[in-house]
Amino acid sequence: MTVASTDSGGGAGVMADLKTMTALKVFGTAVIVSLTAQNSVSVRSIYELPEQFIRDQFYEILSDIGTDAAKTGMLFSENIINTVYDEMKSYNVKNIVIDPVMVSKTGARLLKEDAIKALVNKLMKIATLVTPNIPEAEVITGMRISDLNDMKNAALKIYNMTGASVLIKGGHMESSVSEDVLYNGEFSFYSDKRINTKNTHGTGDTLSSAIASYLAMGKTLEDSISMAKDYIEGAIINSFPMGRGYGPLNHFWRIP
């Protein structure tokens, strides 16, 4: 199950989540919390859906279909975060992957300033895994992150703040290798050669959805991350240009 916002450009948000789940052969459901009007270069507007409508979606999915895992993406406001937290707790949802989306690839703010505290102090505390990129980890921790040691310290700090396992994504580092750091009581490292492309719209959504998909299959957290990273590497390598800005991934690259 994805709990996130739409992307009218089709590259990120719920659209990327459901494509990822379909590509990995799990059945995806969606709780949509807000709508965005965006493309490859900008986010024009965001429409926050009413609280009761969000609650109704949770009820319709979880009282009937159920879920083996869930991921959250762009949640936008404190009210949405509190609503999602209440519903996740009420239905005792397991295998929760929190992608703390804050800013779009094009620079638009996707999480209100006053919502950050609720995200950290409520939602992250019921998560199995939190997947911030470096700028998001800096906001959460108040730290400046400039190297691998900083990433380790930030991961440990978020773990101590929330009790959730933490995967800090190193894609924003300027190096030939992209290194991610996992802390779940001990450190693990995932290194990949950096792919030279600007077609990276929706990478965070895709990664968190892939991890949740593998968790739903019963894979361990470590295996879920490794398999998700293999999948997203292929999706980036096989991505294609669309529009004037950041193009989308090819979620169906494994399908002939």
C-alpha atoms as a PDB file:
ATOM      1  CA  MET A   1       0.000   0.000   0.000  1.00  0.00           C
ATOM      2  CA  THR A   2       1.256   3.459  -0.872  1.00  0.00           C
ATOM      3  CA  VAL A   3       0.204   6.503   1.139  1.00  0.00           C
ATOM      4  CA  ALA A   4       1.300   9.481  -0.900  1.00  0.00           C
ATOM      5  CA  SER A   5       0.381  12.182  -3.414  1.00  0.00           C
ATOM      6  CA  THR A   6      -0.193  12.146  -7.146  1.00  0.00           C
ATOM      7  CA  ASP A   7       2.166  13.450  -9.835  1.00  0.00           C
ATOM      8  CA  SER A   8       0.358  14.661 -12.947  1.00  0.00           C
ATOM      9  CA  GLY A   9       3.622  14.196 -14.856  1.00  0.00           C
ATOM     10  CA  GLY A  10       3.551  10.481 -14.045  1.00  0.00           C
ATOM     11  CA  GLY A  11       7.146  10.139 -12.864  1.00  0.00           C
ATOM     12  CA  ALA A  12       6.885  10.290  -9.083  1.00  0.00           C
ATOM     13  CA  GLY A  13       4.433   9.938  -6.221  1.00  0.00           C
ATOM     14  CA  VAL A  14       1.627   7.402  -6.312  1.00  0.00           C
ATOM     15  CA  MET A  15       2.171   6.917 -10.048  1.00  0.00           C
ATOM     16  CA  ALA A  16       5.769   5.771  -9.531  1.00  0.00           C
ATOM     17  CA  ASP A  17       4.772   3.678  -6.517  1.00  0.00           C
ATOM     18  CA  LEU A  18       2.103   1.676  -8.332  1.00  0.00           C
ATOM     19  CA  LYS A  19       4.313   1.187 -11.397  1.00  0.00           C
ATOM     20  CA  THR A  20       7.061  -0.156  -9.144  1.00  0.00           C
ATOM     21  CA  MET A  21       4.731  -2.517  -7.313  1.00  0.00           C
ATOM     22  CA  THR A  22       3.304  -3.807 -10.582  1.00  0.00           C
ATOM     23  CA  ALA A  23       6.776  -4.317 -12.060  1.00  0.00           C
ATOM     24  CA  LEU A  24       7.787  -6.338  -8.986  1.00  0.00           C
ATOM     25  CA  LYS A  25       4.597  -8.431  -9.195  1.00  0.00           C
ATOM     26  CA  VAL A  26       2.879  -7.345  -6.010  1.00  0.00           C
ATOM     27  CA  PHE A  27      -0.634  -5.893  -5.873  1.00  0.00           C
ATOM     28  CA  GLY A  28      -0.564  -2.213  -4.983  1.00  0.00           C
ATOM     29  CA  THR A  29      -3.280  -0.171  -3.288  1.00  0.00           C
ATOM     30  CA  ALA A  30      -3.203   3.588  -2.729  1.00  0.00           C
ATOM     31  CA  VAL A  31      -4.284   6.121  -0.128  1.00  0.00           C
ATOM     32  CA  ILE A  32      -3.994   9.461  -1.919  1.00  0.00           C
ATOM     33  CA  VAL A  33      -3.478  12.394   0.457  1.00  0.00           C
ATOM     34  CA  SER A  34      -2.937  15.287  -1.952  1.00  0.00           C
ATOM     35  CA  LEU A  35      -2.910  16.101  -5.653  1.00  0.00           C
ATOM     36  CA  THR A  36      -0.112  17.919  -7.455  1.00  0.00           C
ATOM     37  CA  ALA A  37      -0.061  19.738 -10.770  1.00  0.00           C
ATOM     38  CA  GLN A  38       3.523  19.213 -11.938  1.00  0.00           C
ATOM     39  CA  ASN A  39       5.747  18.236 -14.833  1.00  0.00           C
ATOM     40  CA  SER A  40       9.471  17.717 -15.385  1.00  0.00           C
ATOM     41  CA  VAL A  41      10.422  21.312 -14.552  1.00  0.00           C
ATOM     42  CA  SER A  42       8.024  22.615 -11.902  1.00  0.00           C
ATOM     43  CA  VAL A  43       5.259  22.007  -9.377  1.00  0.00           C
ATOM     44  CA  ARG A  44       2.494  24.517 -10.122  1.00  0.00           C
ATOM     45  CA  SER A  45       0.069  23.716  -7.319  1.00  0.00           C
ATOM     46  CA  ILE A  46      -0.807  21.269  -4.536  1.00  0.00           C
ATOM     47  CA  TYR A  47      -4.327  20.381  -3.382  1.00  0.00           C
ATOM     48  CA  GLU A  48      -4.614  18.786   0.053  1.00  0.00           C
ATOM     49  CA  LEU A  49      -7.452  16.264   0.257  1.00  0.00           C
ATOM     50  CA  PRO A  50      -9.960  16.445   3.137  1.00  0.00           C
ATOM     51  CA  GLU A  51      -9.083  14.493   6.269  1.00  0.00           C
ATOM     52  CA  GLN A  52     -12.245  12.380   6.209  1.00  0.00           C
ATOM     53  CA  PHE A  53     -11.620  11.351   2.604  1.00  0.00           C
ATOM     54  CA  ILE A  54      -8.129  10.169   3.571  1.00  0.00           C
ATOM     55  CA  ARG A  55      -9.585   8.189   6.479  1.00  0.00           C
ATOM     56  CA  ASP A  56     -12.218   6.686   4.170  1.00  0.00           C
ATOM     57  CA  GLN A  57      -9.503   5.371   1.855  1.00  0.00           C
ATOM     58  CA  PHE A  58      -7.713   3.677   4.746  1.00  0.00           C
ATOM     59  CA  TYR A  59     -10.986   2.085   5.844  1.00  0.00           C
ATOM     60  CA  GLU A  60     -11.919   0.818   2.394  1.00  0.00           C
ATOM     61  CA  ILE A  61      -8.502  -0.760   1.842  1.00  0.00           C
ATOM     62  CA  LEU A  62      -7.684  -2.116   5.279  1.00  0.00           C
ATOM     63  CA  SER A  63     -11.150  -3.337   6.294  1.00  0.00           C
ATOM     64  CA  ASP A  64     -11.360  -5.466   3.155  1.00  0.00           C
ATOM     65  CA  ILE A  65      -8.153  -6.014   1.177  1.00  0.00           C
ATOM     66  CA  GLY A  66      -5.543  -5.519   3.890  1.00  0.00           C
ATOM     67  CA  THR A  67      -1.835  -4.956   3.307  1.00  0.00           C
ATOM     68  CA  ASP A  68       1.438  -6.789   3.926  1.00  0.00           C
ATOM     69  CA  ALA A  69       3.526  -3.611   3.813  1.00  0.00           C
ATOM     70  CA  ALA A  70       3.079   0.125   3.381  1.00  0.00           C
ATOM     71  CA  LYS A  71       5.157   3.065   2.278  1.00  0.00           C
ATOM     72  CA  THR A  72       4.594   6.771   2.657  1.00  0.00           C
ATOM     73  CA  GLY A  73       5.754   9.489   0.306  1.00  0.00           C
ATOM     74  CA  MET A  74       4.787  13.147   0.030  1.00  0.00           C
ATOM     75  CA  LEU A  75       2.447  13.914   2.956  1.00  0.00           C
ATOM     76  CA  PHE A  76       2.604  17.722   2.730  1.00  0.00           C
ATOM     77  CA  SER A  77       1.013  18.876   6.017  1.00  0.00           C
ATOM     78  CA  GLU A  78       0.904  18.236   9.747  1.00  0.00           C
ATOM     79  CA  ASN A  79      -2.799  17.392   9.547  1.00  0.00           C
ATOM     80  CA  ILE A  80      -2.178  14.728   6.912  1.00  0.00           C
ATOM     81  CA  ILE A  81       0.695  13.245   8.913  1.00  0.00           C
ATOM     82  CA  ASN A  82      -1.419  13.080  12.071  1.00  0.00           C
ATOM     83  CA  THR A  83      -4.247  11.434  10.124  1.00  0.00           C
ATOM     84  CA  VAL A  84      -1.929   8.867   8.537  1.00  0.00           C
ATOM     85  CA  TYR A  85      -0.350   8.131  11.911  1.00  0.00           C
ATOM     86  CA  ASP A  86      -3.763   7.576  13.524  1.00  0.00           C
ATOM     87  CA  GLU A  87      -4.893   5.210  10.776  1.00  0.00           C
ATOM     88  CA  MET A  88      -1.639   3.248  10.635  1.00  0.00           C
ATOM     89  CA  LYS A  89      -1.786   2.784  14.408  1.00  0.00           C
ATOM     90  CA  SER A  90      -5.484   1.930  14.403  1.00  0.00           C
ATOM     91  CA  TYR A  91      -5.052  -0.836  11.817  1.00  0.00           C
ATOM     92  CA  ASN A  92      -1.705  -1.989  13.238  1.00  0.00           C
ATOM     93  CA  VAL A  93      -0.004  -1.744   9.848  1.00  0.00           C
ATOM     94  CA  LYS A  94       3.319  -3.608   9.658  1.00  0.00           C
ATOM     95  CA  ASN A  95       6.417  -3.213   7.463  1.00  0.00           C
ATOM     96  CA  ILE A  96       6.111   0.572   7.145  1.00  0.00           C
ATOM     97  CA  VAL A  97       8.698   2.345   4.974  1.00  0.00           C
ATOM     98  CA  ILE A  98       8.775   6.127   5.457  1.00  0.00           C
ATOM     99  CA  ASP A  99      10.230   8.199   2.621  1.00  0.00           C
ATOM    100  CA  PRO A 100      10.350  11.665   4.271  1.00  0.00           C
ATOM    101  CA  VAL A 101       9.734  13.656   1.086  1.00  0.00           C
ATOM    102  CA  MET A 102      10.418  17.353   1.663  1.00  0.00           C
ATOM    103  CA  VAL A 103      11.482  19.017  -1.605  1.00  0.00           C
ATOM    104  CA  SER A 104      10.869  18.085  -5.239  1.00  0.00           C
ATOM    105  CA  LYS A 105      13.620  17.457  -7.769  1.00  0.00           C
ATOM    106  CA  THR A 106      12.709  20.864  -9.244  1.00  0.00           C
ATOM    107  CA  GLY A 107      13.042  22.649  -5.886  1.00  0.00           C
ATOM    108  CA  ALA A 108       9.407  22.961  -4.790  1.00  0.00           C
ATOM    109  CA  ARG A 109       8.633  22.465  -1.084  1.00  0.00           C
ATOM    110  CA  LEU A 110       6.528  19.328  -0.625  1.00  0.00           C
ATOM    111  CA  LEU A 111       6.369  19.309   3.185  1.00  0.00           C
ATOM    112  CA  LYS A 112       5.283  22.334   5.193  1.00  0.00           C
ATOM    113  CA  GLU A 113       7.772  23.545   7.792  1.00  0.00           C
ATOM    114  CA  ASP A 114       5.412  22.912  10.700  1.00  0.00           C
ATOM    115  CA  ALA A 115       4.876  19.292   9.598  1.00  0.00           C
ATOM    116  CA  ILE A 116       8.468  18.145  10.146  1.00  0.00           C
ATOM    117  CA  LYS A 117       8.064  17.727  13.902  1.00  0.00           C
ATOM    118  CA  ALA A 118       4.997  15.496  13.497  1.00  0.00           C
ATOM    119  CA  LEU A 119       6.786  13.428  10.874  1.00  0.00           C
ATOM    120  CA  VAL A 120       9.746  12.763  13.172  1.00  0.00           C
ATOM    121  CA  ASN A 121       7.970  12.494  16.517  1.00  0.00           C
ATOM    122  CA  LYS A 122       4.974  10.468  15.377  1.00  0.00           C
ATOM    123  CA  LEU A 123       5.109   8.726  12.021  1.00  0.00           C
ATOM    124  CA  MET A 124       8.775   7.754  12.030  1.00  0.00           C
ATOM    125  CA  LYS A 125       8.345   6.125  15.436  1.00  0.00           C
ATOM    126  CA  ILE A 126       6.055   3.445  13.973  1.00  0.00           C
ATOM    127  CA  ALA A 127       8.252   2.855  10.916  1.00  0.00           C
ATOM    128  CA  THR A 128      10.236  -0.230  10.041  1.00  0.00           C
ATOM    129  CA  LEU A 129      12.571   1.845   7.866  1.00  0.00           C
ATOM    130  CA  VAL A 130      13.120   5.537   7.160  1.00  0.00           C
ATOM    131  CA  THR A 131      14.801   6.457   3.846  1.00  0.00           C
ATOM    132  CA  PRO A 132      15.973  10.107   3.868  1.00  0.00           C
ATOM    133  CA  ASN A 133      18.328  11.544   1.310  1.00  0.00           C
ATOM    134  CA  ILE A 134      21.138  13.746   2.604  1.00  0.00           C
ATOM    135  CA  PRO A 135      19.224  17.084   2.607  1.00  0.00           C
ATOM    136  CA  GLU A 136      16.294  15.406   4.391  1.00  0.00           C
ATOM    137  CA  ALA A 137      18.615  13.790   6.932  1.00  0.00           C
ATOM    138  CA  GLU A 138      20.169  17.207   7.587  1.00  0.00           C
ATOM    139  CA  VAL A 139      16.733  18.694   8.318  1.00  0.00           C
ATOM    140  CA  ILE A 140      15.758  15.805  10.600  1.00  0.00           C
ATOM    141  CA  THR A 141      19.008  15.817  12.584  1.00  0.00           C
ATOM    142  CA  GLY A 142      20.096  19.459  12.395  1.00  0.00           C
ATOM    143  CA  MET A 143      23.501  18.185  11.247  1.00  0.00           C
ATOM    144  CA  ARG A 144      25.666  19.156   8.298  1.00  0.00           C
ATOM    145  CA  ILE A 145      26.436  16.020   6.282  1.00  0.00           C
ATOM    146  CA  SER A 146      29.486  16.184   4.022  1.00  0.00           C
ATOM    147  CA  ASP A 147      31.042  12.714   4.084  1.00  0.00           C
ATOM    148  CA  LEU A 148      30.445   9.053   4.896  1.00  0.00           C
ATOM    149  CA  ASN A 149      31.250   9.499   8.576  1.00  0.00           C
ATOM    150  CA  ASP A 150      28.631  12.258   8.817  1.00  0.00           C
ATOM    151  CA  MET A 151      26.111   9.926   7.165  1.00  0.00           C
ATOM    152  CA  LYS A 152      26.848   7.253   9.770  1.00  0.00           C
ATOM    153  CA  ASN A 153      26.429   9.726  12.620  1.00  0.00           C
ATOM    154  CA  ALA A 154      23.171  11.035  11.157  1.00  0.00           C
ATOM    155  CA  ALA A 155      21.799   7.519  10.677  1.00  0.00           C
ATOM    156  CA  LEU A 156      22.624   6.671  14.281  1.00  0.00           C
ATOM    157  CA  LYS A 157      20.990   9.892  15.496  1.00  0.00           C
ATOM    158  CA  ILE A 158      17.757   9.243  13.559  1.00  0.00           C
ATOM    159  CA  TYR A 159      17.720   5.669  14.851  1.00  0.00           C
ATOM    160  CA  ASN A 160      18.013   6.946  18.413  1.00  0.00           C
ATOM    161  CA  MET A 161      15.309   9.568  17.787  1.00  0.00           C
ATOM    162  CA  THR A 162      12.770   7.188  16.264  1.00  0.00           C
ATOM    163  CA  GLY A 163      13.700   3.567  16.928  1.00  0.00           C
ATOM    164  CA  ALA A 164      13.340   2.873  13.201  1.00  0.00           C
ATOM    165  CA  SER A 165      16.031   1.438  10.949  1.00  0.00           C
ATOM    166  CA  VAL A 166      17.542   4.193   8.808  1.00  0.00           C
ATOM    167  CA  LEU A 167      18.793   4.140   5.212  1.00  0.00           C
ATOM    168  CA  ILE A 168      20.498   7.412   4.311  1.00  0.00           C
ATOM    169  CA  LYS A 169      20.829   7.741   0.545  1.00  0.00           C
ATOM    170  CA  GLY A 170      24.089   9.233  -0.692  1.00  0.00           C
ATOM    171  CA  GLY A 171      22.970  10.336  -4.134  1.00  0.00           C
ATOM    172  CA  HIS A 172      23.532  14.019  -3.332  1.00  0.00           C
ATOM    173  CA  MET A 173      27.244  13.493  -2.612  1.00  0.00           C
ATOM    174  CA  GLU A 174      29.604  14.679  -5.345  1.00  0.00           C
ATOM    175  CA  SER A 175      31.607  11.534  -6.013  1.00  0.00           C
ATOM    176  CA  SER A 176      31.957   8.819  -8.641  1.00  0.00           C
ATOM    177  CA  VAL A 177      30.340   6.317  -6.277  1.00  0.00           C
ATOM    178  CA  SER A 178      26.926   6.637  -4.657  1.00  0.00           C
ATOM    179  CA  GLU A 179      27.027   5.145  -1.165  1.00  0.00           C
ATOM    180  CA  ASP A 180      23.991   4.492   1.029  1.00  0.00           C
ATOM    181  CA  VAL A 181      24.266   3.834   4.761  1.00  0.00           C
ATOM    182  CA  LEU A 182      21.909   1.528   6.663  1.00  0.00           C
ATOM    183  CA  TYR A 183      21.779   1.496  10.444  1.00  0.00           C
ATOM    184  CA  ASN A 184      19.534  -1.041  12.164  1.00  0.00           C
ATOM    185  CA  GLY A 185      21.596  -1.709  15.256  1.00  0.00           C
ATOM    186  CA  GLU A 186      24.690  -2.158  13.115  1.00  0.00           C
ATOM    187  CA  PHE A 187      25.952  -0.498   9.956  1.00  0.00           C
ATOM    188  CA  SER A 188      25.677  -1.821   6.411  1.00  0.00           C
ATOM    189  CA  PHE A 189      26.847  -0.044   3.263  1.00  0.00           C
ATOM    190  CA  TYR A 190      25.542  -0.162  -0.297  1.00  0.00           C
ATOM    191  CA  SER A 191      27.842   1.206  -3.000  1.00  0.00           C
ATOM    192  CA  ASP A 192      26.935   1.801  -6.646  1.00  0.00           C
ATOM    193  CA  LYS A 193      28.719   3.478  -9.518  1.00  0.00           C
ATOM    194  CA  ARG A 194      27.079   6.840 -10.160  1.00  0.00           C
ATOM    195  CA  ILE A 195      24.965   6.909 -13.333  1.00  0.00           C
ATOM    196  CA  ASN A 196      25.379  10.082 -15.396  1.00  0.00           C
ATOM    197  CA  THR A 197      21.801  11.059 -16.231  1.00  0.00           C
ATOM    198  CA  LYS A 198      19.283  13.720 -15.270  1.00  0.00           C
ATOM    199  CA  ASN A 199      16.394  11.281 -15.730  1.00  0.00           C
ATOM    200  CA  THR A 200      16.015  10.645 -12.017  1.00  0.00           C
ATOM    201  CA  HIS A 201      12.535  11.973 -11.266  1.00  0.00           C
ATOM    202  CA  GLY A 202      10.883   9.684  -8.722  1.00  0.00           C
ATOM    203  CA  THR A 203      13.964   7.755  -7.594  1.00  0.00           C
ATOM    204  CA  GLY A 204      13.138   8.093  -3.887  1.00  0.00           C
ATOM    205  CA  ASP A 205       9.533   7.021  -4.399  1.00  0.00           C
ATOM    206  CA  THR A 206      10.612   4.087  -6.519  1.00  0.00           C
ATOM    207  CA  LEU A 207      13.239   2.887  -4.045  1.00  0.00           C
ATOM    208  CA  SER A 208      10.919   3.034  -1.033  1.00  0.00           C
ATOM    209  CA  SER A 209       8.134   1.297  -2.972  1.00  0.00           C
ATOM    210  CA  ALA A 210      10.503  -1.436  -4.089  1.00  0.00           C
ATOM    211  CA  ILE A 211      11.727  -2.004  -0.529  1.00  0.00           C
ATOM    212  CA  ALA A 212       8.127  -2.194   0.726  1.00  0.00           C
ATOM    213  CA  SER A 213       7.270  -4.616  -2.088  1.00  0.00           C
ATOM    214  CA  TYR A 214      10.062  -6.987  -1.124  1.00  0.00           C
ATOM    215  CA  LEU A 215       9.149  -6.717   2.567  1.00  0.00           C
ATOM    216  CA  ALA A 216       5.596  -7.692   1.592  1.00  0.00           C
ATOM    217  CA  MET A 217       7.054 -10.814  -0.036  1.00  0.00           C
ATOM    218  CA  GLY A 218       8.637 -11.782   3.283  1.00  0.00           C
ATOM    219  CA  LYS A 219      12.222 -10.795   2.451  1.00  0.00           C
ATOM    220  CA  THR A 220      14.514  -9.528   5.211  1.00  0.00           C
ATOM    221  CA  LEU A 221      15.152  -5.798   5.448  1.00  0.00           C
ATOM    222  CA  GLU A 222      18.735  -6.177   4.218  1.00  0.00           C
ATOM    223  CA  ASP A 223      17.702  -8.341   1.259  1.00  0.00           C
ATOM    224  CA  SER A 224      14.798  -6.008   0.464  1.00  0.00           C
ATOM    225  CA  ILE A 225      17.170  -3.045   0.248  1.00  0.00           C
ATOM    226  CA  SER A 226      19.710  -4.924  -1.898  1.00  0.00           C
ATOM    227  CA  MET A 227      17.043  -6.185  -4.297  1.00  0.00           C
ATOM    228  CA  ALA A 228      15.375  -2.770  -4.466  1.00  0.00           C
ATOM    229  CA  LYS A 229      18.689  -1.111  -5.306  1.00  0.00           C
ATOM    230  CA  ASP A 230      19.328  -3.629  -8.090  1.00  0.00           C
ATOM    231  CA  TYR A 231      15.892  -2.869  -9.500  1.00  0.00           C
ATOM    232  CA  ILE A 232      16.270   0.909  -9.339  1.00  0.00           C
ATOM    233  CA  GLU A 233      19.738   0.800 -10.910  1.00  0.00           C
ATOM    234  CA  GLY A 234      18.234  -0.854 -13.982  1.00  0.00           C
ATOM    235  CA  ALA A 235      15.328   1.596 -13.976  1.00  0.00           C
ATOM    236  CA  ILE A 236      17.767   4.542 -14.033  1.00  0.00           C
ATOM    237  CA  ILE A 237      20.089   3.006 -16.646  1.00  0.00           C
ATOM    238  CA  ASN A 238      17.084   2.366 -18.893  1.00  0.00           C
ATOM    239  CA  SER A 239      15.401   5.714 -18.184  1.00  0.00           C
ATOM    240  CA  PHE A 240      14.374   8.036 -20.977  1.00  0.00           C
ATOM    241  CA  PRO A 241      14.129  11.807 -21.516  1.00  0.00           C
ATOM    242  CA  MET A 242      10.684  13.326 -21.252  1.00  0.00           C
ATOM    243  CA  GLY A 243       9.872  17.003 -21.101  1.00  0.00           C
ATOM    244  CA  ARG A 244      12.384  19.803 -20.585  1.00  0.00           C
ATOM    245  CA  GLY A 245      13.608  18.841 -17.126  1.00  0.00           C
ATOM    246  CA  TYR A 246      14.166  15.718 -15.049  1.00  0.00           C
ATOM    247  CA  GLY A 247      12.881  12.675 -16.912  1.00  0.00           C
ATOM    248  CA  PRO A 248      11.294   9.603 -15.299  1.00  0.00           C
ATOM    249  CA  LEU A 249      12.707   6.163 -14.639  1.00  0.00           C
ATOM    250  CA  ASN A 250      11.790   3.147 -16.729  1.00  0.00           C
ATOM    251  CA  HIS A 251       9.901   1.111 -14.157  1.00  0.00           C
ATOM    252  CA  PHE A 252       9.244  -1.726 -16.594  1.00  0.00           C
ATOM    253  CA  TRP A 253      12.803  -2.221 -17.815  1.00  0.00           C
ATOM    254  CA  ARG A 254      12.731  -5.925 -16.917  1.00  0.00           C
ATOM    255  CA  ILE A 255       9.698  -6.589 -19.086  1.00  0.00           C
ATOM    256  CA  PRO A 256      10.614  -7.518 -22.705  1.00  0.00           C
END
